[in-house]
Protein backbone atom coordinates (compact mmCIF):
# COMPACT_ATOMS: atom_id res chain seq x y z
CA MET A 1 -7.44 -23.53 -10.56
CA GLU A 2 -8.19 -19.74 -10.50
CA GLU A 3 -4.77 -19.11 -8.99
CA ASN A 4 -3.14 -20.93 -11.93
CA ARG A 5 -5.33 -18.79 -14.36
CA PHE A 6 -3.67 -15.76 -12.97
CA LEU A 7 -0.26 -17.22 -13.58
CA PHE A 8 -1.21 -18.00 -17.16
CA GLU A 9 -3.07 -14.77 -17.93
CA ASP A 10 -1.94 -11.85 -15.76
CA ASP A 11 1.36 -12.49 -14.02
CA THR A 12 4.47 -10.79 -15.35
CA VAL A 13 6.08 -12.80 -18.10
CA TRP A 14 9.43 -13.16 -16.27
CA HIS A 15 7.82 -14.30 -13.05
CA ALA A 16 5.33 -16.64 -14.73
CA LEU A 17 8.15 -18.24 -16.72
CA ALA A 18 10.31 -18.43 -13.61
CA VAL A 19 7.43 -20.16 -11.65
CA MET A 20 6.98 -22.72 -14.43
CA ALA A 21 10.57 -23.17 -15.65
CA LEU A 22 12.75 -23.09 -12.50
CA PRO A 23 11.10 -26.30 -10.90
CA ALA A 24 11.42 -27.90 -14.32
CA ILE A 25 15.09 -26.91 -14.63
CA ALA A 26 15.72 -28.16 -11.12
CA SER A 27 14.11 -31.47 -11.95
CA GLN A 28 16.00 -31.74 -15.11
CA LEU A 29 19.26 -31.09 -13.40
CA ILE A 30 18.56 -33.74 -10.74
CA THR A 31 17.29 -36.16 -13.35
CA LEU A 32 20.60 -35.44 -15.24
CA VAL A 33 22.50 -36.32 -12.07
CA TYR A 34 20.30 -39.35 -11.70
CA ASN A 35 21.20 -40.43 -15.24
CA LEU A 36 24.91 -39.54 -14.68
CA ALA A 37 25.10 -41.32 -11.36
CA ASP A 38 25.21 -44.78 -12.89
CA THR A 39 27.96 -43.70 -15.33
CA TRP A 40 29.96 -41.84 -12.64
CA PHE A 41 29.76 -44.66 -10.02
CA VAL A 42 30.43 -47.30 -12.57
CA GLY A 43 33.33 -45.20 -13.78
CA ARG A 44 34.88 -45.58 -10.27
CA THR A 45 35.78 -49.11 -11.33
CA ASN A 46 38.06 -47.67 -14.02
CA ASN A 47 36.58 -50.33 -16.22
CA PRO A 48 35.71 -48.91 -19.66
CA TYR A 49 33.67 -52.09 -20.59
CA MET A 50 31.28 -51.42 -17.64
CA VAL A 51 31.05 -47.71 -18.66
CA ALA A 52 30.40 -48.61 -22.33
CA SER A 53 27.67 -51.11 -21.40
CA CYS A 54 25.65 -48.40 -19.50
CA SER A 55 26.14 -45.89 -22.39
CA LEU A 56 25.06 -48.57 -24.94
CA VAL A 57 21.70 -49.16 -23.16
CA LEU A 58 20.87 -45.41 -22.95
CA PRO A 59 19.18 -45.20 -26.38
CA VAL A 60 16.86 -48.06 -25.42
CA TYR A 61 16.07 -46.42 -22.18
CA MET A 62 15.31 -43.22 -24.01
CA LEU A 63 12.56 -45.05 -25.86
CA THR A 64 10.58 -44.98 -22.65
CA ILE A 65 10.67 -41.21 -22.77
CA VAL A 66 9.59 -41.42 -26.44
CA LEU A 67 6.44 -43.38 -25.49
CA SER A 68 5.67 -41.13 -22.46
CA ASN A 69 5.88 -37.97 -24.76
CA ILE A 70 3.11 -39.22 -27.04
CA PHE A 71 0.62 -39.12 -24.19
CA GLY A 72 2.42 -36.52 -21.85
CA ALA A 73 3.28 -33.87 -24.45
CA GLY A 74 0.32 -34.62 -26.74
CA GLY A 75 -2.18 -34.80 -23.86
CA GLY A 76 -0.65 -32.07 -21.70
CA THR A 77 -0.60 -29.41 -24.41
CA LEU A 78 -4.17 -30.26 -25.47
CA ILE A 79 -5.40 -30.03 -21.81
CA THR A 80 -3.83 -26.55 -21.44
CA ARG A 81 -5.47 -25.43 -24.70
CA LEU A 82 -8.82 -26.88 -23.61
CA ILE A 83 -8.61 -24.99 -20.30
CA GLY A 84 -7.68 -21.78 -22.14
CA ARG A 85 -10.99 -22.30 -24.05
CA ARG A 86 -12.89 -23.15 -20.80
CA GLU A 87 -13.60 -26.63 -21.97
CA ASP A 88 -12.82 -28.34 -18.60
CA GLU A 89 -14.93 -31.43 -18.93
CA GLU A 90 -13.25 -32.40 -22.17
CA ALA A 91 -9.84 -31.82 -20.56
CA SER A 92 -10.72 -34.29 -17.83
CA ARG A 93 -11.68 -36.87 -20.35
CA VAL A 94 -8.42 -36.35 -22.20
CA SER A 95 -6.36 -36.72 -18.97
CA SER A 96 -7.94 -40.04 -18.17
CA ALA A 97 -7.47 -41.52 -21.67
CA CYS A 98 -3.84 -40.52 -21.81
CA ILE A 99 -3.05 -42.38 -18.51
CA TRP A 100 -4.55 -45.66 -19.68
CA MET A 101 -3.07 -45.47 -23.21
CA ALA A 102 0.45 -44.81 -21.65
CA SER A 103 -0.01 -47.76 -19.25
CA ILE A 104 -0.87 -50.17 -21.97
CA SER A 105 1.92 -49.00 -24.27
CA ALA A 106 4.40 -49.32 -21.41
CA LEU A 107 3.45 -52.95 -20.81
CA ILE A 108 3.79 -53.87 -24.50
CA PHE A 109 7.17 -52.10 -24.75
CA SER A 110 8.59 -53.98 -21.76
CA VAL A 111 7.57 -57.37 -23.16
CA LEU A 112 9.06 -56.61 -26.67
CA CYS A 113 12.35 -55.50 -25.01
CA PHE A 114 12.62 -58.71 -23.07
CA LEU A 115 11.92 -60.84 -26.19
CA GLY A 116 14.49 -59.03 -28.39
CA MET A 117 17.08 -58.04 -25.78
CA THR A 118 20.25 -59.82 -27.10
CA PRO A 119 19.74 -59.13 -30.90
CA LEU A 120 18.96 -55.48 -30.10
CA LEU A 121 22.14 -55.07 -28.02
CA ARG A 122 24.18 -56.68 -30.78
CA PHE A 123 22.58 -54.27 -33.23
CA LEU A 124 23.58 -51.37 -30.99
CA GLY A 125 27.17 -52.38 -31.18
CA ALA A 126 27.73 -54.60 -28.11
CA SER A 127 30.92 -56.49 -28.31
CA ASP A 128 31.68 -59.74 -26.46
CA ASN A 129 33.40 -57.60 -23.72
CA ILE A 130 30.29 -55.64 -22.85
CA LEU A 131 27.31 -57.87 -23.86
CA ASP A 132 26.79 -59.49 -20.47
CA TYR A 133 26.91 -56.11 -18.56
CA SER A 134 24.58 -54.56 -21.10
CA ARG A 135 22.08 -57.48 -20.62
CA GLN A 136 22.08 -57.00 -16.91
CA TYR A 137 21.52 -53.31 -17.15
CA MET A 138 18.88 -53.42 -19.76
CA PHE A 139 16.85 -56.18 -18.11
CA ILE A 140 16.62 -54.36 -14.85
CA VAL A 141 16.33 -50.71 -15.99
CA VAL A 142 14.29 -51.18 -19.22
CA VAL A 143 12.44 -54.45 -19.10
CA LEU A 144 11.44 -54.32 -15.39
CA GLY A 145 11.60 -50.51 -15.05
CA GLY A 146 10.04 -49.36 -18.34
CA ILE A 147 6.48 -49.22 -16.98
CA PRO A 148 7.22 -46.99 -13.94
CA VAL A 149 9.29 -44.69 -16.08
CA ILE A 150 6.68 -44.28 -18.77
CA LEU A 151 3.85 -43.78 -16.19
CA SER A 152 5.87 -41.28 -14.22
CA ASN A 153 6.86 -39.14 -17.15
CA THR A 154 3.26 -39.11 -18.51
CA LEU A 155 1.74 -38.15 -15.19
CA SER A 156 4.49 -35.48 -14.69
CA SER A 157 3.66 -33.81 -17.95
CA LEU A 158 -0.06 -33.79 -17.29
CA ILE A 159 0.39 -32.35 -13.84
CA ARG A 160 2.76 -29.60 -15.26
CA SER A 161 0.23 -28.80 -18.00
CA ILE A 162 -2.27 -27.33 -15.43
CA GLY A 163 0.37 -25.17 -13.79
CA PHE A 164 1.75 -27.48 -10.95
CA SER A 165 5.31 -27.35 -12.20
CA SER A 166 6.84 -27.60 -8.72
CA LYS A 167 4.86 -30.80 -7.86
CA ALA A 168 5.91 -32.37 -11.21
CA SER A 169 9.42 -31.39 -10.65
CA PHE A 170 9.63 -32.65 -7.06
CA GLY A 171 8.78 -36.18 -8.08
CA LEU A 172 11.53 -36.32 -10.68
CA SER A 173 13.98 -34.72 -8.33
CA MET A 174 13.13 -37.16 -5.58
CA GLY A 175 13.95 -40.06 -7.87
CA GLY A 176 17.30 -38.56 -8.80
CA LEU A 177 18.30 -37.98 -5.22
CA MET A 178 17.26 -41.56 -4.35
CA ASN A 179 19.43 -42.97 -7.17
CA ILE A 180 22.45 -41.07 -5.99
CA VAL A 181 22.09 -42.58 -2.54
CA LEU A 182 21.28 -46.09 -3.67
CA ASP A 183 23.90 -46.41 -6.37
CA PRO A 184 26.98 -46.75 -4.04
CA LEU A 185 24.97 -48.78 -1.55
CA PHE A 186 24.12 -51.53 -4.10
CA MET A 187 27.31 -51.25 -6.15
CA PHE A 188 29.98 -51.28 -3.38
CA VAL A 189 28.30 -52.53 -0.29
CA ILE A 190 25.37 -55.00 -0.93
CA LEU A 191 26.59 -56.67 -4.15
CA PRO A 192 30.05 -58.24 -4.60
CA ASP A 193 32.85 -56.90 -6.81
CA GLY A 194 32.24 -57.36 -10.46
CA LYS A 195 28.46 -56.67 -10.06
CA GLN A 196 28.67 -52.87 -10.06
CA VAL A 197 26.60 -52.66 -13.36
CA MET A 198 23.84 -54.79 -11.74
CA GLY A 199 23.96 -52.72 -8.62
CA ALA A 200 23.58 -49.42 -10.56
CA ALA A 201 20.62 -50.90 -12.35
CA ILE A 202 18.88 -52.13 -9.27
CA ALA A 203 19.32 -48.62 -7.75
CA THR A 204 17.80 -47.04 -10.75
CA LEU A 205 14.82 -49.42 -10.76
CA LEU A 206 14.00 -48.77 -7.13
CA SER A 207 14.16 -45.02 -7.64
CA ASN A 208 11.81 -45.20 -10.61
CA LEU A 209 9.36 -47.28 -8.68
CA ALA A 210 9.33 -44.75 -5.88
CA VAL A 211 8.79 -41.88 -8.32
CA ALA A 212 5.87 -43.70 -9.97
CA ILE A 213 4.14 -44.26 -6.61
CA TYR A 214 4.65 -40.51 -5.79
CA PHE A 215 3.10 -39.34 -9.14
CA ILE A 216 0.09 -41.75 -8.80
CA ILE A 217 -0.65 -40.31 -5.28
CA THR A 218 0.00 -36.65 -6.35
CA TYR A 219 -2.12 -37.00 -9.52
CA TYR A 220 -4.99 -38.35 -7.46
CA ARG A 221 -4.77 -35.49 -4.88
CA VAL A 222 -4.34 -32.73 -7.55
CA GLY A 223 -7.22 -34.28 -9.43
CA LYS A 224 -9.67 -33.47 -6.59
CA ASP A 225 -9.52 -29.75 -7.37
CA THR A 226 -8.53 -29.70 -11.02
CA VAL A 227 -9.46 -31.31 -14.40
CA LEU A 228 -7.13 -34.27 -14.02
CA ARG A 229 -8.82 -37.66 -13.59
CA PHE A 230 -7.69 -41.35 -13.64
CA TYR A 231 -11.00 -42.78 -14.75
CA LEU A 232 -14.39 -41.31 -16.01
CA LYS A 233 -17.03 -44.02 -16.32
CA GLY A 234 -18.76 -43.98 -19.62
CA ASP A 235 -17.07 -40.80 -20.77
CA ASN A 236 -14.43 -40.80 -23.56
CA PRO A 237 -12.78 -37.81 -25.18
CA SER A 238 -14.02 -36.81 -28.64
CA ALA A 239 -12.43 -38.21 -31.78
CA GLU A 240 -11.12 -34.64 -32.46
CA SER A 241 -9.43 -34.53 -29.04
CA LEU A 242 -7.81 -37.96 -29.52
CA GLN A 243 -6.56 -36.93 -32.92
CA SER A 244 -5.10 -33.79 -31.41
CA VAL A 245 -3.25 -35.84 -28.80
CA PHE A 246 -1.58 -37.84 -31.43
CA GLU A 247 -1.02 -35.02 -33.86
CA VAL A 248 1.17 -33.28 -31.23
CA GLY A 249 2.30 -36.35 -29.25
CA ILE A 250 3.64 -38.45 -32.14
CA PRO A 251 5.79 -35.60 -33.51
CA ALA A 252 6.99 -34.86 -29.98
CA ALA A 253 7.87 -38.56 -29.60
CA ALA A 254 9.40 -38.66 -33.02
CA GLY A 255 11.77 -35.83 -32.10
CA ILE A 256 13.11 -37.77 -29.16
CA PHE A 257 13.07 -41.07 -31.06
CA LEU A 258 15.14 -39.63 -33.91
CA PHE A 259 17.54 -37.99 -31.41
CA ASP A 260 17.78 -41.59 -29.99
CA VAL A 261 18.42 -42.99 -33.42
CA CYS A 262 21.14 -40.36 -33.87
CA ASN A 263 22.83 -41.57 -30.68
CA ILE A 264 22.63 -45.14 -31.87
CA VAL A 265 24.40 -44.10 -35.02
CA ILE A 266 27.00 -42.37 -33.00
CA ASN A 267 27.48 -45.40 -30.78
CA ARG A 268 27.77 -47.78 -33.71
CA LEU A 269 30.16 -45.50 -35.58
CA SER A 270 32.22 -44.98 -32.39
CA ALA A 271 32.27 -48.74 -31.64
CA SER A 272 33.98 -49.27 -34.91
CA TYR A 273 37.07 -47.53 -33.49
CA GLY A 274 37.21 -49.52 -30.30
CA ASP A 275 35.56 -49.87 -26.79
CA ILE A 276 37.74 -46.97 -25.46
CA GLU A 277 36.41 -44.58 -27.96
CA LEU A 278 32.83 -45.86 -27.44
CA ALA A 279 33.21 -45.25 -23.59
CA ALA A 280 34.63 -41.70 -24.24
CA VAL A 281 31.75 -40.75 -26.55
CA GLY A 282 29.25 -42.21 -24.03
CA ILE A 283 30.66 -40.00 -21.18
CA VAL A 284 30.61 -36.91 -23.46
CA LEU A 285 26.96 -37.45 -24.55
CA LYS A 286 26.02 -37.67 -20.87
CA ALA A 287 28.25 -34.75 -19.71
CA GLU A 288 26.87 -32.41 -22.34
CA ARG A 289 23.40 -32.97 -21.00
CA LEU A 290 23.92 -30.29 -18.24
CA PRO A 291 23.24 -27.20 -20.42
CA LEU A 292 20.83 -29.16 -22.67
CA ASN A 293 18.70 -30.28 -19.67
CA ILE A 294 18.53 -26.65 -18.50
CA GLY A 295 17.41 -25.76 -21.94
CA VAL A 296 14.79 -28.45 -21.89
CA GLY A 297 13.61 -27.17 -18.44
CA ILE A 298 13.14 -23.71 -19.92
CA CYS A 299 11.17 -25.18 -22.84
CA MET A 300 8.96 -27.28 -20.50
CA GLY A 301 8.21 -24.10 -18.54
CA MET A 302 7.36 -22.17 -21.67
CA VAL A 303 4.96 -24.72 -23.21
CA PRO A 304 1.97 -24.43 -20.88
CA LEU A 305 2.15 -20.65 -20.98
CA LEU A 306 2.56 -20.64 -24.84
CA ALA A 307 -0.42 -23.09 -25.26
CA TYR A 308 -2.73 -21.28 -22.85
CA ASN A 309 -2.12 -17.79 -24.34
CA TYR A 310 -2.39 -19.12 -27.91
CA SER A 311 -5.65 -20.78 -27.13
CA SER A 312 -7.11 -17.75 -25.31
CA GLY A 313 -5.99 -15.46 -28.15
CA ASN A 314 -3.38 -13.36 -26.19
CA ARG A 315 -0.71 -13.26 -28.95
CA GLU A 316 1.36 -10.49 -27.34
CA ARG A 317 1.80 -12.46 -24.11
CA MET A 318 2.63 -15.61 -26.13
CA ASP A 319 5.38 -13.76 -28.09
CA ALA A 320 6.71 -12.28 -24.92
CA VAL A 321 6.98 -15.73 -23.22
CA PHE A 322 8.75 -17.19 -26.18
CA ARG A 323 11.19 -14.22 -26.55
CA VAL A 324 12.15 -14.33 -22.78
CA GLY A 325 12.58 -18.08 -22.86
CA ARG A 326 14.94 -18.03 -25.85
CA LEU A 327 17.12 -15.38 -24.27
CA ALA A 328 17.50 -17.32 -21.16
CA GLY A 329 18.30 -20.53 -23.09
CA LEU A 330 20.84 -18.82 -25.27
CA ALA A 331 22.62 -17.41 -22.26
CA VAL A 332 22.97 -20.87 -20.76
CA GLY A 333 24.15 -22.29 -24.16
CA ILE A 334 26.92 -19.69 -24.68
CA GLY A 335 28.10 -19.96 -21.12
CA SER A 336 28.41 -23.68 -21.44
CA VAL A 337 30.62 -23.41 -24.59
CA ILE A 338 33.18 -21.37 -22.62
CA LEU A 339 33.18 -23.59 -19.48
CA TYR A 340 33.12 -26.96 -21.31
CA TYR A 341 35.99 -25.98 -23.57
CA ALA A 342 38.05 -24.69 -20.66
CA PHE A 343 37.47 -27.55 -18.32
CA ALA A 344 37.02 -30.55 -20.62
CA PRO A 345 39.89 -32.67 -19.11
CA GLN A 346 38.65 -32.10 -15.62
CA ILE A 347 35.10 -33.01 -16.60
CA MET A 348 36.28 -36.28 -18.16
CA ARG A 349 38.44 -37.16 -15.13
CA ALA A 350 35.43 -36.71 -12.94
CA PHE A 351 33.93 -39.70 -14.69
CA ILE A 352 36.84 -42.07 -15.20
CA GLY A 353 40.52 -42.20 -14.43
CA ASN A 354 41.61 -44.13 -17.51
CA ASP A 355 44.03 -41.83 -19.32
CA GLU A 356 43.20 -42.94 -22.84
CA THR A 357 39.56 -42.56 -22.28
CA VAL A 358 40.10 -39.00 -20.80
CA ARG A 359 42.31 -38.00 -23.80
CA TRP A 360 39.58 -39.06 -26.32
CA GLY A 361 36.77 -37.54 -24.26
CA THR A 362 38.54 -34.18 -23.92
CA LEU A 363 38.83 -33.96 -27.66
CA PHE A 364 35.22 -34.96 -28.17
CA LEU A 365 33.74 -32.71 -25.58
CA ARG A 366 35.56 -29.63 -26.88
CA ALA A 367 34.09 -30.29 -30.36
CA ARG A 368 30.50 -31.12 -29.22
CA CYS A 369 30.07 -28.13 -26.89
CA PHE A 370 29.82 -25.65 -29.77
CA ALA A 371 26.53 -27.15 -30.70
CA THR A 372 24.87 -26.37 -27.43
CA PRO A 373 23.40 -22.91 -28.21
CA LEU A 374 22.21 -24.17 -31.71
CA MET A 375 20.59 -27.23 -30.09
CA PHE A 376 18.58 -25.03 -27.69
CA LEU A 377 17.29 -22.96 -30.63
CA CYS A 378 16.17 -26.13 -32.27
CA PHE A 379 14.52 -27.46 -29.09
CA SER A 380 12.72 -24.16 -28.44
CA MET A 381 11.24 -23.98 -31.95
CA ILE A 382 10.00 -27.60 -31.80
CA HIS A 383 8.39 -26.89 -28.31
CA PHE A 384 6.70 -23.78 -29.75
CA THR A 385 5.08 -25.72 -32.57
CA GLN A 386 3.90 -28.37 -30.05
CA ALA A 387 2.47 -25.81 -27.77
CA ILE A 388 0.30 -24.22 -30.45
CA GLY A 389 -0.94 -27.58 -31.74
CA ARG A 390 1.19 -27.53 -34.97
CA GLY A 391 2.06 -31.21 -34.87
CA LYS A 392 2.83 -31.46 -38.61
CA GLU A 393 5.47 -28.65 -38.43
CA SER A 394 6.95 -30.12 -35.28
CA PHE A 395 7.22 -33.56 -36.99
CA TRP A 396 8.87 -32.13 -40.03
CA LEU A 397 11.40 -30.06 -37.99
CA ALA A 398 12.49 -33.29 -36.20
CA ILE A 399 12.73 -35.09 -39.55
CA ILE A 400 14.79 -32.38 -41.10
CA ARG A 401 17.11 -32.08 -38.00
CA GLN A 402 17.91 -35.70 -37.71
CA ILE A 403 17.12 -37.49 -41.05
CA VAL A 404 18.03 -34.73 -43.47
CA PHE A 405 21.00 -33.15 -41.71
CA ASN A 406 22.35 -34.99 -38.71
CA ILE A 407 22.52 -38.69 -39.54
CA PRO A 408 23.75 -38.20 -43.19
CA MET A 409 26.42 -35.79 -41.99
CA LEU A 410 27.50 -38.26 -39.25
CA ILE A 411 28.12 -40.90 -41.91
CA ILE A 412 29.81 -38.44 -44.32
CA LEU A 413 32.03 -36.67 -41.82
CA ASN A 414 32.97 -39.98 -40.32
CA LYS A 415 34.31 -41.24 -43.63
CA ILE A 416 36.19 -37.97 -44.28
CA PHE A 417 37.60 -37.06 -40.86
CA GLY A 418 37.26 -40.33 -38.81
CA VAL A 419 36.14 -40.17 -35.24
CA GLU A 420 36.67 -36.44 -35.06
CA GLY A 421 34.06 -36.02 -37.73
CA ILE A 422 31.47 -37.80 -35.62
CA VAL A 423 31.73 -35.26 -32.75
CA TRP A 424 31.74 -32.19 -34.98
CA THR A 425 28.58 -33.25 -36.76
CA GLN A 426 26.12 -31.85 -34.28
CA ALA A 427 27.34 -28.19 -34.64
CA VAL A 428 27.40 -28.36 -38.49
CA ALA A 429 24.04 -30.00 -38.76
CA ASP A 430 22.24 -27.76 -36.21
CA THR A 431 23.55 -24.66 -37.96
CA PHE A 432 21.43 -25.68 -41.02
CA THR A 433 18.52 -26.84 -38.83
CA VAL A 434 18.22 -23.40 -37.12
CA ILE A 435 17.99 -21.65 -40.45
CA VAL A 436 15.24 -24.03 -41.62
CA SER A 437 13.39 -23.91 -38.30
CA TYR A 438 13.22 -20.10 -38.35
CA ALA A 439 11.94 -20.13 -41.98
CA VAL A 440 9.16 -22.52 -40.75
CA TYR A 441 8.50 -20.24 -37.79
CA ALA A 442 8.14 -17.20 -40.09
CA GLY A 443 5.81 -19.22 -42.30
CA ILE A 444 3.60 -20.10 -39.36
CA ARG A 445 3.33 -16.48 -38.28
CA LYS A 446 2.53 -15.31 -41.78
CA ARG A 447 -0.31 -17.96 -42.13
CA GLU A 448 -1.70 -17.03 -38.75
CA GLY A 449 -1.70 -13.33 -39.70
CA TRP A 450 0.79 -12.40 -36.98
CA PRO A 451 3.64 -9.96 -37.50
CA VAL A 452 6.76 -11.86 -38.64
CA ARG A 453 9.19 -11.58 -35.69
CA ILE A 454 12.37 -13.54 -35.15
């Protein structure tokens, strides 16, 4: 643990951020490939209905990340702040409580998804052409796979919160690589033709189970020398600590949930134009995740460093971490705009050979890519507020981004410009969101008595 304190307190900012962020970026990229693998391999069938079914279930699958964020982000940032204040025993109690609350929530979520599967898929826009495929994919990946996904992501966040970013990232990366190997095996070798969606789902489920087992073992081993615990007999975290978990965790989850709601709106609006357009949008939403996942990895690396130095009172180091992280994220975002605009047709053809889907997807990707740097700025500001325990500000930033700007603009621009208005919305909405988020950031600094820096 003392080695990790050096990382948090005395290491150079660039090196400390690299140690924390690079494994997180690597795991995010492999997780991205892991999520793209199903779409890519299903796309080999050149069946847009199969592709659309996987895209349609994605918002439901993302709800597992929403739940894990309540206890992973909320508990993880609190644990780091408690360590910064040298309150290790309370940090142990918080870690144990978060694991059990996440497990119970995961079980309830899976049962509810099973009971309401068909009505939910119809609500999301499933046509008769894709309903059966969507049911197969959702039952295996979400109903059966929801518990291991929620548990894995919660454990990963808690492990990363105490400085073991590489261990947390390895588990997620392992799952991604397994999925890439198992997808073609189940889709094209073990199961018969026509069952490719089921094969992709089984591969994803088995990968998620393996990741869950890895994290349970790793968490137990790391816990021998750190504050992390599975169970503390007779000891519960204080009411103040539980409140802090939810004050940060619920806004963190709300941000992902509202992002998910936004994708549901995009899918429903796109489905009104036809299954081809829905498939094209689904591919674009996954393809754009490359720079976004790198940005998320940078933010994940920043959060423990920000939280620790905020709690220990080292404002200068906290500011330096935030400044360096934003510069790195903006560089990635600007680079992605250039590459995605130039190579949009090739990127679409890498997923599917259907000419009509490629044509629409190229148009969509070239519009959506301009939002990437803006989206990173929004992510970084939300992660900053979470790191310093400002759950209320984090919550309102998420509300402003999706409910005030993004979703209303999706509806308005769709009515005015049609399907092209849908894909241009993100860049327009996030321009306004960035302005508001930096006003909130300046307000936080002023209230804390820090110099107002952008």
